[in-house]
């Protein structure tokens, strides 16, 4: 990260504090994850470095979701607090100047200082890409799970339809969850669609997800598609012991597509962003 002089005069006094929300896209292949951690390159770290280079303000930014190593994002939401007077679109241009090539800010807007990207979210939407029934492709290996077997999409769709869309305990489909933390989540949507020959996508939306929940669901759905697991057996997985469902699909096929908020809470200047609801 280049070291440069701050690119703004800082507005002094508590009244000058502002909160900016960023819509961030990244290729997660070379990151240890989204959230800062010791001895690992993370999305949070490079964003904070870019912010310090642009404004001279060194701070901890907040993320809407913690994506694992190798997982990508099209619509990660990040907030920063600033005393500078820059317009939101200035943050887009300037931060992209300092960010590495595998991270970019797509849009920015000013939000209430009470806005929290994680707690304020109504839902998160993930997409998982599988390429099946053909030899592996070096060109898409970083963004898709490549399976030599051809998957039975109709069976996978039938299995996905058995997942509950009411508040339910998802501990069987979760990775390790800290003691005392709830494992109840509300799934809003899960669908399996073959987009084209040898390419299918699993999309899931929920109020929130447990660690590895999407990847465990996808792994189990793939077992159905291969024929190793019946639809009926898949439906019983959710009643199993914690961390028992799976296998865990690899990270590279997974992308955080969108984090949704109540209408009017964020106002992205990006025509590719789906409307809030």
C-alpha atoms as a PDB file:
ATOM      1  CA  UNK A   1       0.000   0.000   0.000  1.00  0.00           C
ATOM      2  CA  UNK A   2       1.552   3.338  -0.960  1.00  0.00           C
ATOM      3  CA  UNK A   3       2.235   5.861   1.774  1.00  0.00           C
ATOM      4  CA  UNK A   4       0.921   9.281   0.862  1.00  0.00           C
ATOM      5  CA  UNK A   5      -0.127  12.473   2.542  1.00  0.00           C
ATOM      6  CA  UNK A   6      -3.770  12.618   3.641  1.00  0.00           C
ATOM      7  CA  UNK A   7      -6.056  13.821   0.852  1.00  0.00           C
ATOM      8  CA  UNK A   8      -8.369  15.992   2.955  1.00  0.00           C
ATOM      9  CA  UNK A   9      -8.596  18.513   5.714  1.00  0.00           C
ATOM     10  CA  UNK A  10     -10.136  16.906   8.786  1.00  0.00           C
ATOM     11  CA  UNK A  11     -13.256  18.519  10.169  1.00  0.00           C
ATOM     12  CA  UNK A  12     -12.700  19.037  13.881  1.00  0.00           C
ATOM     13  CA  UNK A  13     -15.153  18.507  16.714  1.00  0.00           C
ATOM     14  CA  UNK A  14     -17.750  15.825  17.510  1.00  0.00           C
ATOM     15  CA  UNK A  15     -20.295  17.499  15.254  1.00  0.00           C
ATOM     16  CA  UNK A  16     -18.070  16.691  12.273  1.00  0.00           C
ATOM     17  CA  UNK A  17     -18.374  12.912  12.644  1.00  0.00           C
ATOM     18  CA  UNK A  18     -20.026  11.199   9.676  1.00  0.00           C
ATOM     19  CA  UNK A  19     -20.659   7.578   8.739  1.00  0.00           C
ATOM     20  CA  UNK A  20     -20.100   6.345   5.199  1.00  0.00           C
ATOM     21  CA  UNK A  21     -21.325   2.985   3.907  1.00  0.00           C
ATOM     22  CA  UNK A  22     -19.349   1.261   1.167  1.00  0.00           C
ATOM     23  CA  UNK A  23     -20.524  -1.436  -1.221  1.00  0.00           C
ATOM     24  CA  UNK A  24     -17.480  -3.650  -1.679  1.00  0.00           C
ATOM     25  CA  UNK A  25     -16.623  -6.373  -4.186  1.00  0.00           C
ATOM     26  CA  UNK A  26     -13.676  -8.737  -3.841  1.00  0.00           C
ATOM     27  CA  UNK A  27     -12.064 -11.927  -5.044  1.00  0.00           C
ATOM     28  CA  UNK A  28     -11.479 -13.855  -1.840  1.00  0.00           C
ATOM     29  CA  UNK A  29      -8.891 -16.268  -3.223  1.00  0.00           C
ATOM     30  CA  UNK A  30      -5.831 -14.560  -1.776  1.00  0.00           C
ATOM     31  CA  UNK A  31      -7.423 -13.487   1.515  1.00  0.00           C
ATOM     32  CA  UNK A  32      -7.517 -15.275   4.838  1.00  0.00           C
ATOM     33  CA  UNK A  33     -11.087 -14.014   5.166  1.00  0.00           C
ATOM     34  CA  UNK A  34     -12.959 -10.757   5.365  1.00  0.00           C
ATOM     35  CA  UNK A  35     -12.411  -9.981   9.045  1.00  0.00           C
ATOM     36  CA  UNK A  36      -9.036  -8.870  10.417  1.00  0.00           C
ATOM     37  CA  UNK A  37      -6.972 -11.621  12.038  1.00  0.00           C
ATOM     38  CA  UNK A  38      -3.383 -12.192  13.057  1.00  0.00           C
ATOM     39  CA  UNK A  39      -0.827 -13.315  10.465  1.00  0.00           C
ATOM     40  CA  UNK A  40      -3.243 -13.251   7.551  1.00  0.00           C
ATOM     41  CA  UNK A  41      -4.097 -10.849   4.735  1.00  0.00           C
ATOM     42  CA  UNK A  42      -7.744  -9.821   5.062  1.00  0.00           C
ATOM     43  CA  UNK A  43     -10.252  -7.609   3.274  1.00  0.00           C
ATOM     44  CA  UNK A  44     -10.734  -5.525   6.409  1.00  0.00           C
ATOM     45  CA  UNK A  45      -7.009  -4.813   6.668  1.00  0.00           C
ATOM     46  CA  UNK A  46      -6.590  -3.613   3.079  1.00  0.00           C
ATOM     47  CA  UNK A  47      -9.671  -1.390   3.355  1.00  0.00           C
ATOM     48  CA  UNK A  48      -8.297   0.194   6.508  1.00  0.00           C
ATOM     49  CA  UNK A  49      -4.921   0.747   4.850  1.00  0.00           C
ATOM     50  CA  UNK A  50      -6.589   2.418   1.860  1.00  0.00           C
ATOM     51  CA  UNK A  51      -8.685   4.623   4.139  1.00  0.00           C
ATOM     52  CA  UNK A  52      -5.597   5.708   6.088  1.00  0.00           C
ATOM     53  CA  UNK A  53      -3.768   6.500   2.841  1.00  0.00           C
ATOM     54  CA  UNK A  54      -6.696   8.590   1.584  1.00  0.00           C
ATOM     55  CA  UNK A  55      -7.794  10.472   4.702  1.00  0.00           C
ATOM     56  CA  UNK A  56      -5.069   9.987   7.285  1.00  0.00           C
ATOM     57  CA  UNK A  57      -7.662   8.402   9.593  1.00  0.00           C
ATOM     58  CA  UNK A  58      -6.615   5.027  11.011  1.00  0.00           C
ATOM     59  CA  UNK A  59      -9.669   3.153  12.286  1.00  0.00           C
ATOM     60  CA  UNK A  60     -11.426  -0.190  12.434  1.00  0.00           C
ATOM     61  CA  UNK A  61     -14.075  -0.426   9.727  1.00  0.00           C
ATOM     62  CA  UNK A  62     -17.201  -2.567  10.248  1.00  0.00           C
ATOM     63  CA  UNK A  63     -18.369  -5.357   7.939  1.00  0.00           C
ATOM     64  CA  UNK A  64     -21.852  -6.746   7.373  1.00  0.00           C
ATOM     65  CA  UNK A  65     -20.629 -10.309   7.043  1.00  0.00           C
ATOM     66  CA  UNK A  66     -17.630 -12.469   7.829  1.00  0.00           C
ATOM     67  CA  UNK A  67     -16.695 -14.379   4.699  1.00  0.00           C
ATOM     68  CA  UNK A  68     -14.196 -17.227   4.986  1.00  0.00           C
ATOM     69  CA  UNK A  69     -10.885 -17.593   3.205  1.00  0.00           C
ATOM     70  CA  UNK A  70     -11.517 -18.127  -0.505  1.00  0.00           C
ATOM     71  CA  UNK A  71     -15.096 -16.816  -0.410  1.00  0.00           C
ATOM     72  CA  UNK A  72     -15.937 -13.872  -2.660  1.00  0.00           C
ATOM     73  CA  UNK A  73     -18.275 -10.895  -2.388  1.00  0.00           C
ATOM     74  CA  UNK A  74     -20.220  -8.841  -4.866  1.00  0.00           C
ATOM     75  CA  UNK A  75     -22.190  -6.900  -2.256  1.00  0.00           C
ATOM     76  CA  UNK A  76     -20.306  -6.781   1.032  1.00  0.00           C
ATOM     77  CA  UNK A  77     -21.303  -3.715   3.070  1.00  0.00           C
ATOM     78  CA  UNK A  78     -18.685  -1.848   5.088  1.00  0.00           C
ATOM     79  CA  UNK A  79     -18.972   1.303   7.187  1.00  0.00           C
ATOM     80  CA  UNK A  80     -16.365   3.826   8.224  1.00  0.00           C
ATOM     81  CA  UNK A  81     -16.525   6.932  10.385  1.00  0.00           C
ATOM     82  CA  UNK A  82     -14.861  10.088   9.149  1.00  0.00           C
ATOM     83  CA  UNK A  83     -14.428  13.739  10.010  1.00  0.00           C
ATOM     84  CA  UNK A  84     -13.535  14.637   6.446  1.00  0.00           C
ATOM     85  CA  UNK A  85     -15.895  16.598   4.201  1.00  0.00           C
ATOM     86  CA  UNK A  86     -15.556  14.337   1.148  1.00  0.00           C
ATOM     87  CA  UNK A  87     -18.687  13.433  -0.802  1.00  0.00           C
ATOM     88  CA  UNK A  88     -19.414   9.671  -0.883  1.00  0.00           C
ATOM     89  CA  UNK A  89     -18.466   9.330  -4.554  1.00  0.00           C
ATOM     90  CA  UNK A  90     -15.041  10.759  -3.710  1.00  0.00           C
ATOM     91  CA  UNK A  91     -14.509   7.779  -1.383  1.00  0.00           C
ATOM     92  CA  UNK A  92     -15.252   5.404  -4.262  1.00  0.00           C
ATOM     93  CA  UNK A  93     -12.668   6.917  -6.593  1.00  0.00           C
ATOM     94  CA  UNK A  94     -10.006   7.523  -3.959  1.00  0.00           C
ATOM     95  CA  UNK A  95     -10.221   4.197  -2.140  1.00  0.00           C
ATOM     96  CA  UNK A  96     -10.103   2.304  -5.440  1.00  0.00           C
ATOM     97  CA  UNK A  97      -6.897   4.157  -6.199  1.00  0.00           C
ATOM     98  CA  UNK A  98      -5.250   2.679  -3.109  1.00  0.00           C
ATOM     99  CA  UNK A  99      -6.902  -0.744  -2.940  1.00  0.00           C
ATOM    100  CA  UNK A 100      -5.255  -3.842  -4.428  1.00  0.00           C
ATOM    101  CA  UNK A 101      -6.680  -5.259  -7.643  1.00  0.00           C
ATOM    102  CA  UNK A 102      -8.681  -7.992  -5.896  1.00  0.00           C
ATOM    103  CA  UNK A 103     -10.832  -5.485  -3.940  1.00  0.00           C
ATOM    104  CA  UNK A 104     -12.948  -2.580  -5.213  1.00  0.00           C
ATOM    105  CA  UNK A 105     -15.552  -0.195  -3.853  1.00  0.00           C
ATOM    106  CA  UNK A 106     -18.610  -0.240  -6.140  1.00  0.00           C
ATOM    107  CA  UNK A 107     -20.640   2.492  -4.451  1.00  0.00           C
ATOM    108  CA  UNK A 108     -20.833   4.645  -1.326  1.00  0.00           C
ATOM    109  CA  UNK A 109     -23.433   6.673   0.509  1.00  0.00           C
ATOM    110  CA  UNK A 110     -23.740   8.602   3.743  1.00  0.00           C
ATOM    111  CA  UNK A 111     -25.835   6.867   6.391  1.00  0.00           C
ATOM    112  CA  UNK A 112     -27.052   7.596   9.892  1.00  0.00           C
ATOM    113  CA  UNK A 113     -24.403   7.346  12.583  1.00  0.00           C
ATOM    114  CA  UNK A 114     -26.631   4.709  14.211  1.00  0.00           C
ATOM    115  CA  UNK A 115     -26.456   2.471  11.116  1.00  0.00           C
ATOM    116  CA  UNK A 116     -24.636  -0.819  11.747  1.00  0.00           C
ATOM    117  CA  UNK A 117     -23.932  -2.920   8.642  1.00  0.00           C
ATOM    118  CA  UNK A 118     -24.396  -6.224  10.474  1.00  0.00           C
ATOM    119  CA  UNK A 119     -27.112  -5.494  13.040  1.00  0.00           C
ATOM    120  CA  UNK A 120     -29.181  -3.278  10.730  1.00  0.00           C
ATOM    121  CA  UNK A 121     -29.360  -5.914   7.982  1.00  0.00           C
ATOM    122  CA  UNK A 122     -32.658  -7.618   7.207  1.00  0.00           C
ATOM    123  CA  UNK A 123     -31.137 -10.445   5.191  1.00  0.00           C
ATOM    124  CA  UNK A 124     -28.074 -11.734   3.375  1.00  0.00           C
ATOM    125  CA  UNK A 125     -28.093 -13.442   0.005  1.00  0.00           C
ATOM    126  CA  UNK A 126     -25.416 -15.889  -1.139  1.00  0.00           C
ATOM    127  CA  UNK A 127     -24.818 -17.603  -4.472  1.00  0.00           C
ATOM    128  CA  UNK A 128     -22.904 -20.843  -4.910  1.00  0.00           C
ATOM    129  CA  UNK A 129     -21.662 -21.857  -8.378  1.00  0.00           C
ATOM    130  CA  UNK A 130     -21.086 -25.483  -9.399  1.00  0.00           C
ATOM    131  CA  UNK A 131     -19.694 -26.662 -12.715  1.00  0.00           C
ATOM    132  CA  UNK A 132     -20.524 -30.300 -13.346  1.00  0.00           C
ATOM    133  CA  UNK A 133     -20.282 -33.072 -15.889  1.00  0.00           C
ATOM    134  CA  UNK A 134     -17.132 -32.012 -17.711  1.00  0.00           C
ATOM    135  CA  UNK A 135     -13.347 -31.874 -17.218  1.00  0.00           C
ATOM    136  CA  UNK A 136     -12.163 -29.145 -14.873  1.00  0.00           C
ATOM    137  CA  UNK A 137     -11.588 -25.662 -16.264  1.00  0.00           C
ATOM    138  CA  UNK A 138      -8.472 -23.761 -15.149  1.00  0.00           C
ATOM    139  CA  UNK A 139     -10.167 -20.468 -16.063  1.00  0.00           C
ATOM    140  CA  UNK A 140     -13.022 -20.863 -13.564  1.00  0.00           C
ATOM    141  CA  UNK A 141     -11.331 -22.849 -10.803  1.00  0.00           C
ATOM    142  CA  UNK A 142     -11.235 -19.806  -8.496  1.00  0.00           C
ATOM    143  CA  UNK A 143     -14.969 -19.099  -8.716  1.00  0.00           C
ATOM    144  CA  UNK A 144     -16.688 -22.477  -8.990  1.00  0.00           C
ATOM    145  CA  UNK A 145     -16.763 -25.940  -7.457  1.00  0.00           C
ATOM    146  CA  UNK A 146     -15.872 -28.256 -10.326  1.00  0.00           C
ATOM    147  CA  UNK A 147     -17.375 -31.747 -10.210  1.00  0.00           C
ATOM    148  CA  UNK A 148     -16.734 -34.419 -12.806  1.00  0.00           C
ATOM    149  CA  UNK A 149     -20.130 -36.052 -12.147  1.00  0.00           C
ATOM    150  CA  UNK A 150     -23.269 -34.619 -13.734  1.00  0.00           C
ATOM    151  CA  UNK A 151     -25.736 -33.524 -11.065  1.00  0.00           C
ATOM    152  CA  UNK A 152     -29.451 -34.306 -10.992  1.00  0.00           C
ATOM    153  CA  UNK A 153     -30.794 -30.774 -10.603  1.00  0.00           C
ATOM    154  CA  UNK A 154     -34.418 -31.870 -10.219  1.00  0.00           C
ATOM    155  CA  UNK A 155     -33.507 -34.036  -7.223  1.00  0.00           C
ATOM    156  CA  UNK A 156     -31.532 -31.151  -5.734  1.00  0.00           C
ATOM    157  CA  UNK A 157     -34.504 -28.831  -6.211  1.00  0.00           C
ATOM    158  CA  UNK A 158     -36.782 -31.334  -4.483  1.00  0.00           C
ATOM    159  CA  UNK A 159     -34.341 -31.574  -1.583  1.00  0.00           C
ATOM    160  CA  UNK A 160     -33.996 -27.791  -1.300  1.00  0.00           C
ATOM    161  CA  UNK A 161     -37.785 -27.519  -1.074  1.00  0.00           C
ATOM    162  CA  UNK A 162     -37.719 -29.557   2.158  1.00  0.00           C
ATOM    163  CA  UNK A 163     -35.733 -26.867   3.995  1.00  0.00           C
ATOM    164  CA  UNK A 164     -37.871 -24.903   6.480  1.00  0.00           C
ATOM    165  CA  UNK A 165     -38.599 -21.239   5.825  1.00  0.00           C
ATOM    166  CA  UNK A 166     -39.514 -20.429   9.417  1.00  0.00           C
ATOM    167  CA  UNK A 167     -37.212 -19.765  12.359  1.00  0.00           C
ATOM    168  CA  UNK A 168     -35.405 -23.070  12.946  1.00  0.00           C
ATOM    169  CA  UNK A 169     -32.352 -24.583  14.607  1.00  0.00           C
ATOM    170  CA  UNK A 170     -29.617 -24.953  11.970  1.00  0.00           C
ATOM    171  CA  UNK A 171     -26.846 -26.303  14.225  1.00  0.00           C
ATOM    172  CA  UNK A 172     -26.546 -29.522  12.190  1.00  0.00           C
ATOM    173  CA  UNK A 173     -25.602 -27.452   9.139  1.00  0.00           C
ATOM    174  CA  UNK A 174     -23.248 -25.156  11.051  1.00  0.00           C
ATOM    175  CA  UNK A 175     -19.582 -25.153  11.800  1.00  0.00           C
ATOM    176  CA  UNK A 176     -18.420 -24.572  15.345  1.00  0.00           C
ATOM    177  CA  UNK A 177     -20.634 -22.021  17.101  1.00  0.00           C
ATOM    178  CA  UNK A 178     -19.446 -20.348  20.334  1.00  0.00           C
ATOM    179  CA  UNK A 179     -21.148 -21.571  23.499  1.00  0.00           C
ATOM    180  CA  UNK A 180     -24.306 -19.680  24.339  1.00  0.00           C
ATOM    181  CA  UNK A 181     -24.836 -18.283  20.831  1.00  0.00           C
ATOM    182  CA  UNK A 182     -28.172 -19.003  19.179  1.00  0.00           C
ATOM    183  CA  UNK A 183     -28.244 -21.404  16.237  1.00  0.00           C
ATOM    184  CA  UNK A 184     -31.759 -20.369  15.194  1.00  0.00           C
ATOM    185  CA  UNK A 185     -31.973 -18.710  11.790  1.00  0.00           C
ATOM    186  CA  UNK A 186     -34.799 -17.976   9.347  1.00  0.00           C
ATOM    187  CA  UNK A 187     -34.224 -19.163   5.792  1.00  0.00           C
ATOM    188  CA  UNK A 188     -36.149 -16.971   3.352  1.00  0.00           C
ATOM    189  CA  UNK A 189     -35.259 -18.668   0.080  1.00  0.00           C
ATOM    190  CA  UNK A 190     -33.244 -21.571  -1.305  1.00  0.00           C
ATOM    191  CA  UNK A 191     -33.268 -22.473  -4.956  1.00  0.00           C
ATOM    192  CA  UNK A 192     -31.226 -24.568  -7.352  1.00  0.00           C
ATOM    193  CA  UNK A 193     -31.139 -23.460 -10.992  1.00  0.00           C
ATOM    194  CA  UNK A 194     -29.178 -24.805 -13.943  1.00  0.00           C
ATOM    195  CA  UNK A 195     -28.194 -21.602 -15.705  1.00  0.00           C
ATOM    196  CA  UNK A 196     -26.602 -23.344 -18.686  1.00  0.00           C
ATOM    197  CA  UNK A 197     -25.042 -26.632 -19.628  1.00  0.00           C
ATOM    198  CA  UNK A 198     -22.490 -27.693 -16.985  1.00  0.00           C
ATOM    199  CA  UNK A 199     -23.274 -24.641 -14.818  1.00  0.00           C
ATOM    200  CA  UNK A 200     -25.725 -24.505 -11.931  1.00  0.00           C
ATOM    201  CA  UNK A 201     -26.249 -22.093  -9.069  1.00  0.00           C
ATOM    202  CA  UNK A 202     -27.611 -22.496  -5.559  1.00  0.00           C
ATOM    203  CA  UNK A 203     -28.883 -19.260  -4.036  1.00  0.00           C
ATOM    204  CA  UNK A 204     -29.815 -18.888  -0.389  1.00  0.00           C
ATOM    205  CA  UNK A 205     -31.192 -15.914   1.498  1.00  0.00           C
ATOM    206  CA  UNK A 206     -31.771 -15.728   5.250  1.00  0.00           C
ATOM    207  CA  UNK A 207     -31.979 -13.219   8.051  1.00  0.00           C
ATOM    208  CA  UNK A 208     -28.463 -14.385   8.959  1.00  0.00           C
ATOM    209  CA  UNK A 209     -26.295 -17.454   8.487  1.00  0.00           C
ATOM    210  CA  UNK A 210     -24.254 -19.610  10.820  1.00  0.00           C
ATOM    211  CA  UNK A 211     -20.602 -20.380  10.016  1.00  0.00           C
ATOM    212  CA  UNK A 212     -20.382 -22.734   7.000  1.00  0.00           C
ATOM    213  CA  UNK A 213     -24.181 -23.034   6.837  1.00  0.00           C
ATOM    214  CA  UNK A 214     -24.448 -22.302   3.114  1.00  0.00           C
ATOM    215  CA  UNK A 215     -21.487 -24.520   2.220  1.00  0.00           C
ATOM    216  CA  UNK A 216     -22.833 -27.434   4.259  1.00  0.00           C
ATOM    217  CA  UNK A 217     -26.245 -27.138   2.635  1.00  0.00           C
ATOM    218  CA  UNK A 218     -24.648 -27.018  -0.814  1.00  0.00           C
ATOM    219  CA  UNK A 219     -22.422 -29.984   0.001  1.00  0.00           C
ATOM    220  CA  UNK A 220     -25.425 -32.046   1.056  1.00  0.00           C
ATOM    221  CA  UNK A 221     -27.422 -30.942  -1.993  1.00  0.00           C
ATOM    222  CA  UNK A 222     -24.545 -32.070  -4.209  1.00  0.00           C
ATOM    223  CA  UNK A 223     -24.689 -35.490  -2.527  1.00  0.00           C
ATOM    224  CA  UNK A 224     -28.344 -35.647  -3.561  1.00  0.00           C
ATOM    225  CA  UNK A 225     -27.448 -34.568  -7.088  1.00  0.00           C
ATOM    226  CA  UNK A 226     -24.786 -37.269  -7.381  1.00  0.00           C
ATOM    227  CA  UNK A 227     -27.202 -39.882  -6.037  1.00  0.00           C
ATOM    228  CA  UNK A 228     -25.370 -40.670  -2.794  1.00  0.00           C
ATOM    229  CA  UNK A 229     -28.123 -39.185  -0.636  1.00  0.00           C
ATOM    230  CA  UNK A 230     -31.877 -39.469  -1.060  1.00  0.00           C
ATOM    231  CA  UNK A 231     -34.201 -36.502  -0.779  1.00  0.00           C
ATOM    232  CA  UNK A 232     -35.731 -38.107   2.319  1.00  0.00           C
ATOM    233  CA  UNK A 233     -32.320 -38.552   3.952  1.00  0.00           C
ATOM    234  CA  UNK A 234     -31.427 -34.952   3.123  1.00  0.00           C
ATOM    235  CA  UNK A 235     -34.620 -33.764   4.831  1.00  0.00           C
ATOM    236  CA  UNK A 236     -33.576 -35.593   8.016  1.00  0.00           C
ATOM    237  CA  UNK A 237     -30.113 -33.992   8.179  1.00  0.00           C
ATOM    238  CA  UNK A 238     -31.368 -30.865   9.929  1.00  0.00           C
ATOM    239  CA  UNK A 239     -32.400 -32.967  12.932  1.00  0.00           C
ATOM    240  CA  UNK A 240     -28.886 -34.333  13.354  1.00  0.00           C
ATOM    241  CA  UNK A 241     -26.304 -33.393  15.946  1.00  0.00           C
ATOM    242  CA  UNK A 242     -24.344 -30.119  15.618  1.00  0.00           C
ATOM    243  CA  UNK A 243     -21.939 -29.987  12.645  1.00  0.00           C
ATOM    244  CA  UNK A 244     -23.149 -33.371  11.377  1.00  0.00           C
ATOM    245  CA  UNK A 245     -24.624 -32.312   8.009  1.00  0.00           C
ATOM    246  CA  UNK A 246     -22.553 -31.923   4.901  1.00  0.00           C
ATOM    247  CA  UNK A 247     -19.970 -32.399   3.498  1.00  0.00           C
ATOM    248  CA  UNK A 248     -18.745 -28.805   3.459  1.00  0.00           C
ATOM    249  CA  UNK A 249     -18.533 -27.519  -0.109  1.00  0.00           C
ATOM    250  CA  UNK A 250     -15.228 -25.768  -0.919  1.00  0.00           C
ATOM    251  CA  UNK A 251     -15.098 -21.991  -0.480  1.00  0.00           C
ATOM    252  CA  UNK A 252     -14.321 -20.815  -4.006  1.00  0.00           C
ATOM    253  CA  UNK A 253     -17.847 -21.351  -5.359  1.00  0.00           C
ATOM    254  CA  UNK A 254     -19.427 -19.055  -2.772  1.00  0.00           C
ATOM    255  CA  UNK A 255     -20.182 -15.344  -3.197  1.00  0.00           C
ATOM    256  CA  UNK A 256     -21.930 -12.925  -0.848  1.00  0.00           C
ATOM    257  CA  UNK A 257     -24.245 -11.325  -3.395  1.00  0.00           C
ATOM    258  CA  UNK A 258     -26.195  -8.798  -1.332  1.00  0.00           C
ATOM    259  CA  UNK A 259     -26.952  -7.549   2.152  1.00  0.00           C
ATOM    260  CA  UNK A 260     -30.435  -6.088   2.347  1.00  0.00           C
ATOM    261  CA  UNK A 261     -31.736  -3.297   4.574  1.00  0.00           C
ATOM    262  CA  UNK A 262     -35.027  -1.519   5.136  1.00  0.00           C
ATOM    263  CA  UNK A 263     -35.974   0.801   2.300  1.00  0.00           C
ATOM    264  CA  UNK A 264     -34.232   4.166   2.561  1.00  0.00           C
ATOM    265  CA  UNK A 265     -31.564   3.037   5.033  1.00  0.00           C
ATOM    266  CA  UNK A 266     -28.908   2.984   2.322  1.00  0.00           C
ATOM    267  CA  UNK A 267     -29.050   4.692  -1.066  1.00  0.00           C
ATOM    268  CA  UNK A 268     -26.448   3.251  -3.393  1.00  0.00           C
ATOM    269  CA  UNK A 269     -25.561   5.149  -6.536  1.00  0.00           C
ATOM    270  CA  UNK A 270     -25.091   1.919  -8.492  1.00  0.00           C
ATOM    271  CA  UNK A 271     -27.591   0.724 -11.071  1.00  0.00           C
ATOM    272  CA  UNK A 272     -26.472  -2.885 -10.591  1.00  0.00           C
ATOM    273  CA  UNK A 273     -27.561  -2.935  -6.941  1.00  0.00           C
ATOM    274  CA  UNK A 274     -30.965  -4.598  -6.396  1.00  0.00           C
ATOM    275  CA  UNK A 275     -33.549  -2.452  -4.623  1.00  0.00           C
ATOM    276  CA  UNK A 276     -33.913  -2.802  -0.866  1.00  0.00           C
ATOM    277  CA  UNK A 277     -37.106  -4.218   0.549  1.00  0.00           C
END
